Amino acid sequence: MAEELRIHPLDLESDVAIGIDLPLIGRTGSTFKLNYTTIDQAVANAKNLLLTNRGERVMLPTFGCSISDTLFENITQDTISDLQQRIQDSFDYWLPYIFINELNITANEDLNKMYIKITISLETNKFDTRSIELVVANNQ
């Protein structure tokens, strides 16, 4: 069965910015780096959601994944499963236009670190994928 590929019209306009990329400081330090494609902006939005703790945003108390909250818990398979479900639920609620192709969380119990790799695409274009990698660590 063939799947329909839909490209956002703004992706065809090379001089129209869709949003601001992360980090907010550009290469020169004076301007914001802009995104010109919807998938690049989706990556920036996904990073923003992943790196935000719940309760951190004013007037949006449920925005975020609160990944750092699991850092001081005992790392078990249940902890990893709960974190995967929390990330999936946050994406489903806050970023429904993003499809999570792959979500891998590996833990190093000795160093109290978690490695998160998430591969995403747009719901309308599942062929163009991007990966985001995060390391959550207790830096004492």
N, C-alpha and C. Protein backbone atom coordinates (compact mmCIF):
# COMPACT_ATOMS: atom_id res chain seq x y z
N MET A 1 0.84 -1.18 0.00
CA MET A 1 0.00 0.00 0.00
C MET A 1 0.89 1.24 0.00
N ALA A 2 0.61 2.13 -0.89
CA ALA A 2 1.40 3.36 -1.01
C ALA A 2 0.97 4.36 0.04
N GLU A 3 1.94 5.10 0.52
CA GLU A 3 1.65 6.12 1.52
C GLU A 3 1.82 7.49 0.87
N GLU A 4 0.87 8.36 1.17
CA GLU A 4 0.88 9.69 0.59
C GLU A 4 1.95 10.56 1.25
N LEU A 5 2.71 11.26 0.44
CA LEU A 5 3.74 12.17 0.92
C LEU A 5 3.22 13.59 0.75
N ARG A 6 3.09 14.31 1.87
CA ARG A 6 2.63 15.69 1.81
C ARG A 6 3.74 16.60 2.32
N ILE A 7 4.09 17.59 1.52
CA ILE A 7 5.11 18.55 1.88
C ILE A 7 4.44 19.88 2.21
N HIS A 8 4.84 20.45 3.31
CA HIS A 8 4.26 21.73 3.73
C HIS A 8 4.64 22.80 2.71
N PRO A 9 3.69 23.66 2.30
CA PRO A 9 4.00 24.69 1.29
C PRO A 9 5.14 25.62 1.68
N LEU A 10 5.32 25.92 2.96
CA LEU A 10 6.40 26.80 3.36
C LEU A 10 7.78 26.17 3.15
N ASP A 11 7.85 24.84 3.08
CA ASP A 11 9.13 24.18 2.82
C ASP A 11 9.63 24.48 1.41
N LEU A 12 8.74 24.87 0.54
CA LEU A 12 9.12 25.19 -0.84
C LEU A 12 9.58 26.63 -1.00
N GLU A 13 9.38 27.44 0.04
CA GLU A 13 9.80 28.84 0.02
C GLU A 13 11.13 28.94 0.75
N SER A 14 12.21 29.11 0.01
CA SER A 14 13.54 29.10 0.63
C SER A 14 13.86 30.36 1.43
N ASP A 15 13.08 31.43 1.26
CA ASP A 15 13.37 32.66 1.98
C ASP A 15 12.38 32.96 3.11
N VAL A 16 11.53 31.99 3.45
CA VAL A 16 10.55 32.19 4.51
C VAL A 16 10.95 31.31 5.70
N ALA A 17 11.25 31.97 6.82
CA ALA A 17 11.63 31.23 8.03
C ALA A 17 10.37 30.74 8.74
N ILE A 18 10.46 29.54 9.28
CA ILE A 18 9.32 28.94 9.97
C ILE A 18 9.42 29.16 11.48
N GLY A 19 10.64 29.17 12.01
CA GLY A 19 10.79 29.34 13.45
C GLY A 19 12.24 29.52 13.83
N ILE A 20 12.48 29.51 15.14
CA ILE A 20 13.81 29.74 15.69
C ILE A 20 14.40 28.40 16.14
N ASP A 21 15.67 28.19 15.84
CA ASP A 21 16.36 26.96 16.19
C ASP A 21 16.97 27.08 17.58
N LEU A 22 17.32 25.94 18.14
CA LEU A 22 18.04 25.88 19.41
C LEU A 22 19.49 25.54 19.14
N PRO A 23 20.45 26.07 19.82
CA PRO A 23 20.35 27.07 20.87
C PRO A 23 19.96 28.43 20.29
N LEU A 24 19.47 29.29 21.15
CA LEU A 24 18.93 30.56 20.69
C LEU A 24 19.97 31.54 20.18
N ILE A 25 21.21 31.37 20.54
CA ILE A 25 22.26 32.28 20.09
C ILE A 25 22.83 31.77 18.77
N GLY A 26 22.88 32.64 17.78
CA GLY A 26 23.43 32.27 16.48
C GLY A 26 24.94 32.20 16.50
N ARG A 27 25.52 31.89 15.37
CA ARG A 27 26.98 31.76 15.28
C ARG A 27 27.70 33.06 15.60
N THR A 28 27.12 34.17 15.20
CA THR A 28 27.76 35.45 15.44
C THR A 28 27.48 35.98 16.85
N GLY A 29 26.52 35.35 17.53
CA GLY A 29 26.19 35.78 18.89
C GLY A 29 25.20 36.91 18.94
N SER A 30 24.78 37.43 17.80
CA SER A 30 23.89 38.58 17.83
C SER A 30 22.50 38.28 17.28
N THR A 31 22.36 37.27 16.47
CA THR A 31 21.05 36.98 15.88
C THR A 31 20.64 35.55 16.17
N PHE A 32 19.38 35.30 16.02
CA PHE A 32 18.85 33.95 16.19
C PHE A 32 19.06 33.16 14.91
N LYS A 33 19.37 31.87 15.06
CA LYS A 33 19.44 30.99 13.90
C LYS A 33 18.01 30.58 13.57
N LEU A 34 17.63 30.71 12.31
CA LEU A 34 16.26 30.43 11.89
C LEU A 34 16.18 29.08 11.20
N ASN A 35 15.00 28.47 11.29
CA ASN A 35 14.71 27.23 10.57
C ASN A 35 13.84 27.56 9.36
N TYR A 36 14.17 26.92 8.24
CA TYR A 36 13.46 27.18 7.00
C TYR A 36 12.66 25.97 6.51
N THR A 37 12.69 24.86 7.25
CA THR A 37 11.88 23.69 6.91
C THR A 37 11.10 23.24 8.13
N THR A 38 9.97 22.62 7.89
CA THR A 38 9.12 22.20 9.00
C THR A 38 9.76 21.08 9.82
N ILE A 39 10.53 20.20 9.19
CA ILE A 39 11.17 19.12 9.96
C ILE A 39 12.24 19.69 10.89
N ASP A 40 12.99 20.70 10.44
CA ASP A 40 13.99 21.31 11.31
C ASP A 40 13.33 22.02 12.49
N GLN A 41 12.20 22.66 12.25
CA GLN A 41 11.49 23.32 13.34
C GLN A 41 10.88 22.29 14.28
N ALA A 42 10.44 21.16 13.74
CA ALA A 42 9.91 20.09 14.58
C ALA A 42 11.00 19.54 15.50
N VAL A 43 12.23 19.44 15.02
CA VAL A 43 13.35 19.00 15.85
C VAL A 43 13.58 19.99 16.99
N ALA A 44 13.55 21.29 16.68
CA ALA A 44 13.73 22.32 17.71
C ALA A 44 12.60 22.24 18.74
N ASN A 45 11.37 22.04 18.28
CA ASN A 45 10.25 21.92 19.21
C ASN A 45 10.37 20.66 20.06
N ALA A 46 10.84 19.56 19.47
CA ALA A 46 11.02 18.32 20.22
C ALA A 46 12.10 18.48 21.29
N LYS A 47 13.21 19.13 20.94
CA LYS A 47 14.27 19.38 21.92
C LYS A 47 13.73 20.22 23.08
N ASN A 48 12.95 21.24 22.75
CA ASN A 48 12.37 22.11 23.76
C ASN A 48 11.48 21.30 24.71
N LEU A 49 10.66 20.41 24.16
CA LEU A 49 9.79 19.58 24.99
C LEU A 49 10.59 18.61 25.85
N LEU A 50 11.61 17.99 25.27
CA LEU A 50 12.41 17.01 26.01
C LEU A 50 13.22 17.65 27.14
N LEU A 51 13.72 18.85 26.93
CA LEU A 51 14.59 19.49 27.91
C LEU A 51 13.85 20.29 28.97
N THR A 52 12.53 20.38 28.85
CA THR A 52 11.74 21.16 29.81
C THR A 52 11.16 20.24 30.88
N ASN A 53 11.24 20.69 32.11
CA ASN A 53 10.62 19.97 33.22
C ASN A 53 9.19 20.45 33.39
N ARG A 54 8.31 19.54 33.77
CA ARG A 54 6.92 19.94 34.02
C ARG A 54 6.87 20.93 35.16
N GLY A 55 6.06 21.97 34.98
CA GLY A 55 5.96 23.03 35.98
C GLY A 55 6.93 24.17 35.73
N GLU A 56 7.79 24.04 34.76
CA GLU A 56 8.81 25.05 34.48
C GLU A 56 8.26 26.20 33.63
N ARG A 57 7.31 25.93 32.76
CA ARG A 57 6.76 26.97 31.89
C ARG A 57 5.57 27.64 32.55
N VAL A 58 5.56 28.96 32.52
CA VAL A 58 4.47 29.73 33.10
C VAL A 58 3.20 29.47 32.30
N MET A 59 2.11 29.22 32.99
CA MET A 59 0.79 28.98 32.42
C MET A 59 0.68 27.67 31.63
N LEU A 60 1.76 26.87 31.60
CA LEU A 60 1.73 25.55 30.95
C LEU A 60 2.35 24.53 31.91
N PRO A 61 1.68 24.22 33.00
CA PRO A 61 2.30 23.38 34.03
C PRO A 61 2.55 21.94 33.60
N THR A 62 1.88 21.46 32.56
CA THR A 62 2.10 20.07 32.14
C THR A 62 3.01 19.96 30.93
N PHE A 63 3.57 21.08 30.47
CA PHE A 63 4.47 21.05 29.31
C PHE A 63 5.83 20.51 29.75
N GLY A 64 6.35 19.58 29.01
CA GLY A 64 7.66 19.03 29.29
C GLY A 64 7.62 17.54 29.57
N CYS A 65 8.80 16.96 29.65
CA CYS A 65 8.94 15.51 29.90
C CYS A 65 9.53 15.20 31.26
N SER A 66 10.11 16.17 31.93
CA SER A 66 10.73 15.98 33.25
C SER A 66 11.69 14.80 33.27
N ILE A 67 12.57 14.77 32.29
CA ILE A 67 13.54 13.68 32.19
C ILE A 67 14.49 13.68 33.38
N SER A 68 14.88 14.86 33.82
CA SER A 68 15.85 14.94 34.92
C SER A 68 15.29 14.41 36.23
N ASP A 69 13.97 14.30 36.37
CA ASP A 69 13.37 13.76 37.60
C ASP A 69 13.73 12.29 37.81
N THR A 70 13.97 11.57 36.74
CA THR A 70 14.28 10.14 36.86
C THR A 70 15.75 9.88 37.14
N LEU A 71 16.55 10.91 37.11
CA LEU A 71 17.99 10.72 37.24
C LEU A 71 18.39 10.18 38.60
N PHE A 72 17.70 10.58 39.65
CA PHE A 72 18.08 10.16 40.99
C PHE A 72 17.29 8.95 41.48
N GLU A 73 16.49 8.36 40.61
CA GLU A 73 15.78 7.14 40.96
C GLU A 73 16.67 5.94 40.63
N ASN A 74 16.35 4.81 41.23
CA ASN A 74 17.05 3.60 40.85
C ASN A 74 16.70 3.27 39.40
N ILE A 75 17.71 3.03 38.61
CA ILE A 75 17.49 2.78 37.19
C ILE A 75 17.17 1.30 37.01
N THR A 76 15.91 1.03 36.73
CA THR A 76 15.44 -0.32 36.47
C THR A 76 14.70 -0.32 35.12
N GLN A 77 14.28 -1.47 34.69
CA GLN A 77 13.52 -1.54 33.45
C GLN A 77 12.19 -0.81 33.59
N ASP A 78 11.60 -0.84 34.80
CA ASP A 78 10.35 -0.11 35.03
C ASP A 78 10.56 1.40 34.91
N THR A 79 11.68 1.90 35.43
CA THR A 79 11.98 3.33 35.33
C THR A 79 12.12 3.74 33.86
N ILE A 80 12.81 2.93 33.08
CA ILE A 80 13.01 3.23 31.66
C ILE A 80 11.68 3.16 30.93
N SER A 81 10.85 2.17 31.23
CA SER A 81 9.53 2.05 30.59
C SER A 81 8.64 3.23 30.93
N ASP A 82 8.67 3.66 32.20
CA ASP A 82 7.87 4.82 32.61
C ASP A 82 8.32 6.08 31.89
N LEU A 83 9.64 6.25 31.74
CA LEU A 83 10.16 7.42 31.04
C LEU A 83 9.79 7.38 29.56
N GLN A 84 9.87 6.22 28.95
CA GLN A 84 9.46 6.10 27.55
C GLN A 84 7.99 6.46 27.38
N GLN A 85 7.16 5.99 28.29
CA GLN A 85 5.73 6.30 28.21
C GLN A 85 5.47 7.78 28.45
N ARG A 86 6.21 8.40 29.38
CA ARG A 86 6.04 9.83 29.64
C ARG A 86 6.43 10.65 28.42
N ILE A 87 7.52 10.27 27.76
CA ILE A 87 7.95 10.98 26.54
C ILE A 87 6.91 10.81 25.46
N GLN A 88 6.42 9.58 25.26
CA GLN A 88 5.41 9.33 24.22
C GLN A 88 4.13 10.12 24.50
N ASP A 89 3.68 10.13 25.74
CA ASP A 89 2.46 10.86 26.10
C ASP A 89 2.64 12.36 25.89
N SER A 90 3.81 12.90 26.24
CA SER A 90 4.07 14.33 26.05
C SER A 90 4.06 14.70 24.58
N PHE A 91 4.68 13.86 23.76
CA PHE A 91 4.67 14.13 22.32
C PHE A 91 3.26 14.03 21.75
N ASP A 92 2.49 13.03 22.19
CA ASP A 92 1.12 12.87 21.70
C ASP A 92 0.25 14.07 22.04
N TYR A 93 0.47 14.64 23.23
CA TYR A 93 -0.36 15.77 23.66
C TYR A 93 0.13 17.10 23.10
N TRP A 94 1.44 17.38 23.22
CA TRP A 94 1.95 18.70 22.88
C TRP A 94 2.43 18.82 21.44
N LEU A 95 2.91 17.76 20.85
CA LEU A 95 3.42 17.80 19.48
C LEU A 95 2.79 16.68 18.66
N PRO A 96 1.48 16.72 18.44
CA PRO A 96 0.82 15.61 17.74
C PRO A 96 1.23 15.48 16.27
N TYR A 97 1.83 16.50 15.70
CA TYR A 97 2.25 16.44 14.30
C TYR A 97 3.59 15.73 14.12
N ILE A 98 4.23 15.35 15.24
CA ILE A 98 5.50 14.64 15.19
C ILE A 98 5.26 13.16 15.47
N PHE A 99 5.81 12.32 14.62
CA PHE A 99 5.72 10.88 14.77
C PHE A 99 7.05 10.36 15.31
N ILE A 100 7.02 9.61 16.39
CA ILE A 100 8.23 9.02 16.96
C ILE A 100 8.46 7.68 16.27
N ASN A 101 9.49 7.62 15.44
CA ASN A 101 9.83 6.39 14.74
C ASN A 101 10.53 5.41 15.66
N GLU A 102 11.42 5.94 16.50
CA GLU A 102 12.22 5.08 17.38
C GLU A 102 12.55 5.86 18.65
N LEU A 103 12.44 5.19 19.78
CA LEU A 103 12.78 5.78 21.06
C LEU A 103 13.57 4.76 21.85
N ASN A 104 14.87 5.02 22.02
CA ASN A 104 15.74 4.11 22.76
C ASN A 104 16.31 4.84 23.98
N ILE A 105 16.18 4.20 25.12
CA ILE A 105 16.77 4.72 26.35
C ILE A 105 17.66 3.63 26.92
N THR A 106 18.93 3.95 27.05
CA THR A 106 19.87 3.02 27.68
C THR A 106 20.43 3.71 28.92
N ALA A 107 20.76 2.91 29.89
CA ALA A 107 21.22 3.46 31.16
C ALA A 107 22.56 2.86 31.54
N ASN A 108 23.36 3.69 32.19
CA ASN A 108 24.60 3.24 32.80
C ASN A 108 24.44 3.46 34.29
N GLU A 109 24.12 2.37 35.00
CA GLU A 109 23.83 2.49 36.43
C GLU A 109 25.05 2.92 37.23
N ASP A 110 26.24 2.51 36.78
CA ASP A 110 27.46 2.84 37.53
C ASP A 110 27.74 4.34 37.52
N LEU A 111 27.49 4.98 36.39
CA LEU A 111 27.77 6.42 36.27
C LEU A 111 26.52 7.27 36.48
N ASN A 112 25.38 6.63 36.73
CA ASN A 112 24.11 7.33 36.90
C ASN A 112 23.82 8.22 35.69
N LYS A 113 23.91 7.61 34.50
CA LYS A 113 23.63 8.32 33.25
C LYS A 113 22.58 7.58 32.46
N MET A 114 21.82 8.35 31.70
CA MET A 114 20.87 7.77 30.74
C MET A 114 21.14 8.38 29.38
N TYR A 115 21.10 7.53 28.38
CA TYR A 115 21.30 7.96 27.00
C TYR A 115 19.96 7.80 26.27
N ILE A 116 19.48 8.89 25.73
CA ILE A 116 18.19 8.88 25.04
C ILE A 116 18.43 9.20 23.58
N LYS A 117 17.96 8.33 22.71
CA LYS A 117 18.02 8.57 21.27
C LYS A 117 16.61 8.44 20.73
N ILE A 118 16.16 9.51 20.10
CA ILE A 118 14.81 9.54 19.55
C ILE A 118 14.89 9.92 18.08
N THR A 119 14.24 9.15 17.25
CA THR A 119 14.17 9.42 15.81
C THR A 119 12.75 9.84 15.50
N ILE A 120 12.60 11.03 14.90
CA ILE A 120 11.27 11.58 14.65
C ILE A 120 11.09 11.90 13.17
N SER A 121 9.85 12.02 12.79
CA SER A 121 9.47 12.51 11.47
C SER A 121 8.14 13.23 11.63
N LEU A 122 7.71 13.88 10.58
CA LEU A 122 6.42 14.53 10.61
C LEU A 122 5.34 13.52 10.28
N GLU A 123 4.15 13.69 10.84
CA GLU A 123 3.04 12.78 10.55
C GLU A 123 2.72 12.75 9.06
N THR A 124 2.93 13.89 8.39
CA THR A 124 2.60 13.97 6.97
C THR A 124 3.73 13.50 6.06
N ASN A 125 4.93 13.33 6.61
CA ASN A 125 6.09 12.91 5.81
C ASN A 125 6.97 12.02 6.68
N LYS A 126 6.69 10.73 6.68
CA LYS A 126 7.42 9.81 7.53
C LYS A 126 8.73 9.33 6.91
N PHE A 127 9.05 9.82 5.71
CA PHE A 127 10.28 9.40 5.05
C PHE A 127 11.47 10.26 5.46
N ASP A 128 11.25 11.52 5.76
CA ASP A 128 12.31 12.44 6.17
C ASP A 128 12.42 12.39 7.68
N THR A 129 13.47 11.74 8.20
CA THR A 129 13.61 11.57 9.64
C THR A 129 14.81 12.34 10.16
N ARG A 130 14.76 12.65 11.45
CA ARG A 130 15.86 13.29 12.15
C ARG A 130 16.05 12.59 13.48
N SER A 131 17.27 12.59 13.99
CA SER A 131 17.57 11.97 15.28
C SER A 131 18.00 13.02 16.28
N ILE A 132 17.59 12.81 17.51
CA ILE A 132 17.98 13.67 18.63
C ILE A 132 18.60 12.75 19.67
N GLU A 133 19.77 13.14 20.16
CA GLU A 133 20.44 12.35 21.20
C GLU A 133 20.67 13.22 22.42
N LEU A 134 20.30 12.69 23.58
CA LEU A 134 20.48 13.40 24.84
C LEU A 134 21.22 12.50 25.82
N VAL A 135 22.06 13.12 26.63
CA VAL A 135 22.70 12.42 27.73
C VAL A 135 22.25 13.12 29.00
N VAL A 136 21.59 12.35 29.86
CA VAL A 136 21.12 12.88 31.13
C VAL A 136 22.05 12.32 32.19
N ALA A 137 22.76 13.22 32.87
CA ALA A 137 23.76 12.76 33.82
C ALA A 137 23.74 13.61 35.08
N ASN A 138 24.16 13.01 36.16
CA ASN A 138 24.33 13.71 37.42
C ASN A 138 25.76 14.24 37.47
N ASN A 139 25.93 15.51 37.15
CA ASN A 139 27.27 16.12 37.16
C ASN A 139 27.53 16.73 38.53
N GLN A 140 28.16 15.98 39.38
CA GLN A 140 28.40 16.47 40.74
C GLN A 140 29.65 17.29 40.80
